[in-house]
N, C-alpha and C. Protein backbone atom coordinates (compact mmCIF):
# COMPACT_ATOMS: atom_id res chain seq x y z
N MET A 1 112.26 245.33 202.96
CA MET A 1 110.77 245.88 203.53
C MET A 1 110.55 246.35 203.85
N SER A 2 109.18 247.39 203.12
CA SER A 2 108.31 248.60 204.36
C SER A 2 107.44 247.87 204.60
N ALA A 3 107.15 248.33 205.93
CA ALA A 3 105.77 247.74 207.00
C ALA A 3 104.93 248.05 206.45
N ILE A 4 104.52 248.93 204.67
CA ILE A 4 103.59 249.13 204.37
C ILE A 4 102.69 248.29 204.08
N GLN A 5 103.58 247.52 203.35
CA GLN A 5 103.49 246.44 202.62
C GLN A 5 102.50 245.72 203.50
N SER A 6 102.31 245.09 204.49
CA SER A 6 102.09 244.55 204.99
C SER A 6 100.67 245.22 206.03
N ASP A 7 100.17 246.51 205.84
CA ASP A 7 98.83 247.04 206.51
C ASP A 7 97.91 246.94 205.77
N PRO A 8 97.41 246.41 205.83
CA PRO A 8 95.75 247.11 204.87
C PRO A 8 95.40 248.19 205.05
N ARG A 9 95.66 248.89 205.98
CA ARG A 9 94.83 250.47 205.11
C ARG A 9 95.43 251.01 203.65
N PHE A 10 96.41 249.95 203.16
CA PHE A 10 96.96 250.90 202.42
C PHE A 10 96.44 250.22 200.86
N SER A 11 96.02 250.80 199.86
CA SER A 11 95.60 250.33 198.50
C SER A 11 97.01 249.28 197.69
N ILE A 12 95.75 248.36 197.22
CA ILE A 12 97.29 247.40 196.45
C ILE A 12 98.48 248.49 195.35
N PRO A 13 97.97 249.16 194.59
CA PRO A 13 98.53 249.85 193.70
C PRO A 13 99.92 251.22 194.66
N LEU A 14 99.33 251.83 195.82
CA LEU A 14 100.48 252.30 196.55
C LEU A 14 101.87 250.85 196.83
N LYS A 15 101.25 249.30 197.75
CA LYS A 15 101.91 248.80 198.17
C LYS A 15 102.82 248.61 196.80
N LYS A 16 102.51 248.51 195.87
CA LYS A 16 103.31 248.34 194.59
C LYS A 16 104.77 249.30 194.36
N GLU A 17 104.14 250.31 194.45
CA GLU A 17 104.84 251.74 194.07
C GLU A 17 106.03 251.79 195.77
N MET A 18 105.59 251.50 196.27
CA MET A 18 106.61 251.48 197.50
C MET A 18 107.24 250.31 197.17
N ALA A 19 106.35 249.09 197.13
CA ALA A 19 108.14 247.90 196.98
C ALA A 19 108.19 248.97 195.52
N LEU A 20 108.15 248.99 194.69
CA LEU A 20 109.28 249.13 193.76
C LEU A 20 110.49 250.24 194.23
N ARG A 21 109.63 251.40 195.03
CA ARG A 21 110.95 252.33 195.36
C ARG A 21 111.83 251.67 196.17
N ASP A 22 111.33 250.95 197.09
CA ASP A 22 112.05 250.24 198.14
C ASP A 22 113.34 249.25 197.01
N ALA A 23 112.92 248.53 196.22
CA ALA A 23 114.07 248.31 195.17
C ALA A 23 114.72 249.37 194.43
N ALA A 24 114.49 250.27 193.81
CA ALA A 24 115.47 251.55 193.96
C ALA A 24 116.19 251.64 194.55
N ALA A 25 115.68 251.99 195.96
CA ALA A 25 116.68 252.20 197.77
C ALA A 25 117.83 251.03 197.35
N ALA A 26 117.84 250.08 197.11
CA ALA A 26 118.28 249.17 197.39
C ALA A 26 119.11 248.86 196.16
N GLY A 27 119.59 249.97 195.15
CA GLY A 27 119.87 249.69 193.97
C GLY A 27 119.20 248.91 192.61
N ASP A 28 117.92 248.14 192.77
CA ASP A 28 118.04 247.97 191.59
C ASP A 28 116.94 247.94 190.83
N LEU A 29 117.80 249.02 189.80
CA LEU A 29 117.78 249.49 188.29
C LEU A 29 118.94 249.09 187.01
N VAL A 30 117.32 249.10 185.91
CA VAL A 30 118.74 248.73 185.08
C VAL A 30 117.68 249.33 183.99
N TRP A 31 118.32 249.68 182.93
CA TRP A 31 118.22 249.81 181.53
C TRP A 31 117.77 248.91 180.55
N VAL A 32 116.61 248.70 180.42
CA VAL A 32 116.25 247.50 179.04
C VAL A 32 115.87 248.26 177.60
N LEU A 33 116.12 247.82 176.78
CA LEU A 33 116.30 248.55 175.58
C LEU A 33 115.60 247.79 174.46
N THR A 34 114.25 248.09 174.13
CA THR A 34 113.61 246.74 173.04
C THR A 34 113.61 247.84 171.82
N PRO A 35 114.00 247.02 170.71
CA PRO A 35 114.57 245.45 170.95
C PRO A 35 116.11 246.35 171.01
N ALA A 36 116.64 245.17 171.60
CA ALA A 36 118.28 245.27 171.68
C ALA A 36 119.26 245.32 171.11
N THR A 37 118.83 244.46 169.76
CA THR A 37 119.36 244.11 168.24
C THR A 37 117.95 243.95 167.40
N VAL A 38 118.19 244.53 166.16
CA VAL A 38 117.72 244.32 164.87
C VAL A 38 118.23 243.91 164.10
N ALA A 39 117.85 244.00 162.65
CA ALA A 39 119.08 243.26 161.47
C ALA A 39 118.03 243.09 160.25
N PRO A 40 117.16 244.78 159.79
CA PRO A 40 117.22 244.56 158.64
C PRO A 40 117.77 244.89 157.08
N ALA A 41 117.32 244.00 155.67
CA ALA A 41 117.92 244.32 155.11
C ALA A 41 118.76 246.08 154.70
N PRO A 42 120.00 245.46 154.08
CA PRO A 42 120.27 247.43 153.46
C PRO A 42 119.74 247.63 152.93
N THR A 43 119.41 249.31 152.76
CA THR A 43 118.86 249.49 152.12
C THR A 43 119.00 251.65 151.66
N THR A 44 118.68 251.44 150.25
CA THR A 44 118.76 253.03 150.10
C THR A 44 117.91 254.07 150.52
N ALA A 45 116.39 253.55 151.45
CA ALA A 45 115.72 254.54 151.75
C ALA A 45 115.55 255.02 152.74
N ALA A 46 114.91 256.00 152.84
CA ALA A 46 115.24 256.77 154.36
C ALA A 46 114.38 255.65 155.08
N TRP A 47 114.80 255.74 156.64
CA TRP A 47 114.14 254.89 157.65
C TRP A 47 113.86 255.25 158.61
N THR A 48 112.92 254.25 159.56
CA THR A 48 113.19 255.05 161.03
C THR A 48 113.11 253.72 161.84
N ARG A 49 113.56 253.30 163.47
CA ARG A 49 112.99 252.46 163.86
C ARG A 49 112.80 253.07 165.56
N ASP A 50 112.10 252.68 166.43
CA ASP A 50 111.78 253.24 167.58
C ASP A 50 112.47 252.01 168.14
N VAL A 51 112.41 253.12 169.63
CA VAL A 51 113.40 252.21 170.50
C VAL A 51 112.52 252.49 171.83
N THR A 52 112.79 251.11 172.59
CA THR A 52 111.92 251.78 174.04
C THR A 52 112.79 251.47 174.62
N VAL A 53 112.52 252.68 176.03
CA VAL A 53 113.43 252.53 176.81
C VAL A 53 112.56 252.32 178.17
N THR A 54 113.00 251.19 178.52
CA THR A 54 112.75 251.87 180.24
C THR A 54 113.69 251.17 181.80
N LEU A 55 113.14 251.68 183.24
CA LEU A 55 113.95 251.61 184.00
C LEU A 55 113.53 250.94 184.56
N GLU A 56 114.09 248.93 184.54
CA GLU A 56 113.18 248.09 185.66
C GLU A 56 114.10 247.60 186.40
N THR A 57 113.82 247.12 187.57
CA THR A 57 113.68 246.23 188.46
C THR A 57 115.19 244.80 187.96
N ALA A 58 115.22 243.74 188.00
CA ALA A 58 116.63 243.07 187.73
C ALA A 58 114.86 242.05 186.91
N ALA A 59 114.19 241.80 188.45
CA ALA A 59 113.45 240.92 187.79
C ALA A 59 112.33 241.38 186.54
N GLY A 60 112.09 241.98 186.20
CA GLY A 60 111.53 243.09 184.85
C GLY A 60 110.37 243.60 185.49
N ASP A 61 109.89 244.23 186.36
CA ASP A 61 109.12 245.70 186.84
C ASP A 61 109.03 246.55 186.08
N VAL A 62 107.91 247.33 185.62
CA VAL A 62 109.27 248.59 185.71
C VAL A 62 108.75 249.87 186.59
N HIS A 63 110.27 250.67 186.63
CA HIS A 63 110.00 251.64 187.34
C HIS A 63 108.80 252.37 187.40
N THR A 64 107.73 252.35 188.05
CA THR A 64 106.66 253.73 187.02
C THR A 64 106.77 254.84 187.49
N TRP A 65 107.22 254.77 189.06
CA TRP A 65 107.60 256.29 189.64
C TRP A 65 108.06 257.13 189.22
N PHE A 66 109.01 256.49 187.98
CA PHE A 66 110.08 257.62 187.80
C PHE A 66 109.69 258.23 186.33
N ASP A 67 109.99 259.38 186.92
CA ASP A 67 109.22 260.80 185.45
C ASP A 67 111.15 260.78 186.20
N LYS A 68 111.82 261.12 184.68
CA LYS A 68 112.80 262.41 184.93
C LYS A 68 112.85 262.60 183.27
N ALA A 69 114.15 264.19 183.10
CA ALA A 69 114.78 264.54 181.94
C ALA A 69 116.11 264.78 182.38
N ILE A 70 116.96 263.10 181.58
CA ILE A 70 117.95 263.07 181.28
C ILE A 70 119.27 263.68 180.74
N SER A 71 119.38 265.05 181.03
CA SER A 71 120.27 266.00 179.99
C SER A 71 121.85 264.87 179.21
N THR A 72 121.81 264.48 178.05
CA THR A 72 123.17 264.05 177.44
C THR A 72 123.06 262.46 178.08
N GLY A 73 121.40 262.10 177.70
CA GLY A 73 120.95 260.83 178.53
C GLY A 73 121.44 259.81 177.42
N VAL A 74 121.14 259.77 176.47
CA VAL A 74 120.64 258.96 174.98
C VAL A 74 121.78 259.46 173.45
N SER A 75 122.35 258.98 172.74
CA SER A 75 122.88 258.94 171.74
C SER A 75 123.15 258.28 170.78
N ILE A 76 123.61 258.95 169.83
CA ILE A 76 123.27 257.70 168.63
C ILE A 76 124.37 257.88 168.01
N ALA A 77 125.28 257.01 167.09
CA ALA A 77 126.33 256.12 166.24
C ALA A 77 126.56 255.29 165.23
N ASP A 78 126.86 256.10 164.22
CA ASP A 78 126.58 254.26 163.19
C ASP A 78 127.85 254.58 162.93
N THR A 79 128.25 253.43 161.60
CA THR A 79 129.12 253.03 160.79
C THR A 79 129.02 253.08 159.54
N SER A 80 127.67 253.72 159.23
CA SER A 80 127.82 253.92 157.34
C SER A 80 128.49 254.75 156.95
N THR A 81 128.75 254.65 155.80
CA THR A 81 129.77 255.42 154.98
C THR A 81 129.36 256.78 154.10
N ALA A 82 128.16 256.13 154.19
CA ALA A 82 126.72 257.21 153.14
C ALA A 82 126.14 257.75 154.17
N GLY A 83 125.18 257.02 154.79
CA GLY A 83 124.55 257.54 155.44
C GLY A 83 124.33 258.25 156.61
N THR A 84 123.42 258.69 157.17
CA THR A 84 123.36 259.43 158.83
C THR A 84 122.31 258.89 159.54
N ALA A 85 122.53 258.03 161.09
CA ALA A 85 121.84 258.32 161.29
C ALA A 85 121.22 258.98 162.68
N THR A 86 120.00 259.55 162.91
CA THR A 86 119.80 260.92 163.71
C THR A 86 118.70 260.35 165.68
N ILE A 87 119.15 261.29 165.66
CA ILE A 87 117.86 261.45 166.98
C ILE A 87 116.89 263.02 167.28
N ALA A 88 116.07 262.87 167.76
CA ALA A 88 115.57 264.08 168.07
C ALA A 88 116.20 265.19 168.81
N ALA A 89 116.73 264.53 169.83
CA ALA A 89 117.50 265.23 170.82
C ALA A 89 118.25 263.87 171.52
N THR A 90 119.13 264.60 172.42
CA THR A 90 120.28 263.60 173.95
C THR A 90 119.52 263.67 174.93
N THR A 91 118.31 264.79 174.76
CA THR A 91 117.64 264.44 176.65
C THR A 91 117.00 262.71 176.72
N LEU A 92 117.45 262.40 177.47
CA LEU A 92 116.30 260.96 177.84
C LEU A 92 115.05 261.55 178.69
N THR A 93 114.24 261.80 178.12
CA THR A 93 113.18 262.10 178.63
C THR A 93 111.59 260.58 179.35
N ILE A 94 112.14 260.09 180.55
CA ILE A 94 111.56 259.35 180.52
C ILE A 94 110.05 259.89 182.09
N LYS A 95 109.05 259.15 181.71
CA LYS A 95 107.94 259.14 181.82
C LYS A 95 106.97 257.92 182.58
N ASN A 96 106.71 257.46 183.54
CA ASN A 96 106.40 256.66 184.31
C ASN A 96 106.88 255.50 184.18
N GLY A 97 108.50 255.71 184.42
CA GLY A 97 109.39 254.12 183.61
C GLY A 97 110.41 254.02 182.29
N LYS A 98 109.25 254.72 181.34
CA LYS A 98 108.63 254.31 180.36
C LYS A 98 109.26 256.06 179.07
N ALA A 99 110.71 255.52 177.54
CA ALA A 99 110.10 256.33 176.84
C ALA A 99 110.51 255.57 175.74
N ILE A 100 110.29 256.59 175.12
CA ILE A 100 110.20 256.12 172.97
C ILE A 100 111.85 257.06 172.29
N ILE A 101 112.51 255.89 172.08
CA ILE A 101 113.04 257.06 171.29
C ILE A 101 112.99 256.76 169.60
N THR A 102 112.43 257.57 168.33
CA THR A 102 113.09 257.42 167.18
C THR A 102 113.91 257.59 166.63
N VAL A 103 114.74 256.18 166.41
CA VAL A 103 116.18 256.53 165.21
C VAL A 103 115.87 257.01 163.80
N THR A 104 116.45 258.07 163.16
CA THR A 104 115.93 258.07 161.98
C THR A 104 117.23 257.82 160.63
N GLY A 105 117.72 257.01 160.00
CA GLY A 105 118.22 256.95 158.75
C GLY A 105 117.76 257.92 157.58
N ASP A 106 119.19 258.37 157.27
CA ASP A 106 118.37 259.30 155.83
C ASP A 106 118.48 257.97 154.25
N ALA A 107 117.98 259.01 153.51
CA ALA A 107 118.34 258.08 151.84
C ALA A 107 119.37 258.19 151.81
N ALA A 108 119.96 257.26 151.64
CA ALA A 108 121.80 256.61 151.26
C ALA A 108 122.17 255.48 151.43
N ALA A 109 123.21 255.21 151.27
CA ALA A 109 123.73 253.47 150.83
C ALA A 109 123.74 252.74 152.70
N TRP A 110 122.88 251.84 153.16
CA TRP A 110 122.71 251.50 154.02
C TRP A 110 122.98 249.70 153.95
N ASN A 111 124.48 249.87 153.67
CA ASN A 111 125.77 248.60 153.02
C ASN A 111 125.35 247.08 154.30
N ASP A 112 125.15 246.15 153.32
CA ASP A 112 125.52 244.67 154.81
C ASP A 112 126.46 245.47 155.56
N THR A 113 126.31 244.53 156.93
CA THR A 113 127.44 245.02 157.51
C THR A 113 127.42 245.78 158.14
N GLN A 114 126.94 247.08 157.92
CA GLN A 114 126.92 248.74 158.76
C GLN A 114 125.71 248.58 159.52
N THR A 115 125.98 249.14 160.88
CA THR A 115 125.13 248.97 161.92
C THR A 115 124.59 251.02 162.41
N ASP A 116 123.92 250.80 162.96
CA ASP A 116 123.96 252.60 163.57
C ASP A 116 123.37 252.23 165.44
N THR A 117 123.90 252.83 166.41
CA THR A 117 123.82 252.01 167.44
C THR A 117 123.32 253.06 168.25
N LEU A 118 122.40 253.27 169.31
CA LEU A 118 121.32 254.38 170.45
C LEU A 118 121.70 253.66 171.36
N THR A 119 122.77 254.98 172.35
CA THR A 119 122.97 253.89 173.78
C THR A 119 122.56 254.76 174.43
N VAL A 120 121.71 255.06 175.70
CA VAL A 120 121.82 255.35 177.13
C VAL A 120 122.55 255.41 177.13
N ALA A 121 123.20 256.07 178.02
CA ALA A 121 124.06 256.32 179.31
C ALA A 121 124.22 255.67 180.42
N GLN A 122 124.59 256.13 181.12
CA GLN A 122 124.70 255.30 182.71
C GLN A 122 124.68 256.65 183.34
N ALA A 123 123.60 256.43 184.10
CA ALA A 123 122.68 257.40 185.12
C ALA A 123 123.14 257.42 186.90
N THR A 124 122.88 257.90 187.78
CA THR A 124 122.71 258.02 188.86
C THR A 124 121.20 258.09 189.38
N ILE A 125 120.88 257.27 189.57
CA ILE A 125 119.36 256.98 190.39
C ILE A 125 119.15 256.60 191.93
N MET A 126 118.86 257.56 192.79
CA MET A 126 119.32 257.33 193.91
C MET A 126 119.81 256.96 194.77
N GLY A 127 121.17 257.40 194.05
CA GLY A 127 122.74 257.02 194.19
C GLY A 127 123.04 256.25 194.08
N ALA A 128 122.25 254.87 192.79
CA ALA A 128 122.60 253.66 192.31
C ALA A 128 123.30 254.24 191.45
N THR A 129 124.16 253.18 190.84
CA THR A 129 124.58 253.22 189.25
C THR A 129 123.69 252.48 188.18
N VAL A 130 123.78 253.00 187.47
CA VAL A 130 123.23 252.44 186.27
C VAL A 130 123.75 251.81 184.98
N ALA A 131 124.07 251.02 184.44
CA ALA A 131 124.02 250.42 184.16
C ALA A 131 123.82 251.15 182.40
N ALA A 132 124.78 251.41 181.37
CA ALA A 132 124.75 252.12 179.75
C ALA A 132 124.00 250.33 179.26
N LYS A 133 122.88 251.53 178.03
CA LYS A 133 122.90 250.73 177.45
C LYS A 133 122.55 250.63 176.02
N THR A 134 122.65 249.69 175.23
CA THR A 134 122.92 249.77 173.43
C THR A 134 121.36 248.96 173.18
N SER A 135 121.21 249.53 171.94
CA SER A 135 120.15 249.02 170.87
C SER A 135 121.15 249.12 169.52
N VAL A 136 121.33 247.77 168.72
CA VAL A 136 122.01 247.62 167.83
C VAL A 136 121.44 247.82 166.83
N GLU A 137 121.52 248.16 165.55
CA GLU A 137 120.69 247.89 163.99
C GLU A 137 121.82 247.71 162.61
N THR A 138 121.69 246.83 162.30
CA THR A 138 123.27 246.05 161.93
C THR A 138 121.94 245.77 160.74
N PHE A 139 122.49 246.31 159.50
CA PHE A 139 122.28 245.74 157.89
C PHE A 139 122.62 244.81 157.82
N THR A 140 121.42 243.28 157.11
CA THR A 140 121.75 242.46 156.67
C THR A 140 122.08 241.46 155.76
N ALA A 141 122.69 241.72 155.10
CA ALA A 141 122.02 240.81 153.26
C ALA A 141 121.72 239.37 153.22
């Protein structure tokens, strides 16, 4: 831990940011996708869903210091035989440790058990590997 934590000359917000950066330097970085899973009813209408991506510590503290655009940082796939799920871009743009990705499905038959899967790619941040994560929508009758 940084000596700043016990130094009264430094503000609490600065101490918190330094603690988060210390955690990151120690490799305490994880992608969290909310929601991780969702199960709407099958539909033939167009739909959207927002997925919040945060870079956190294992204890759930958001790395608010982290701002970066990661090219090819996010992707979408689906198992629909008629519909297509899309995202606006494959660049994952993190601001203050967070991003929101909107997944859109076209007006087509999204049948029972068909899925769309948003994947945040594995990344290297401060020399540490952050494992890939997914958010899966499964249409469920």
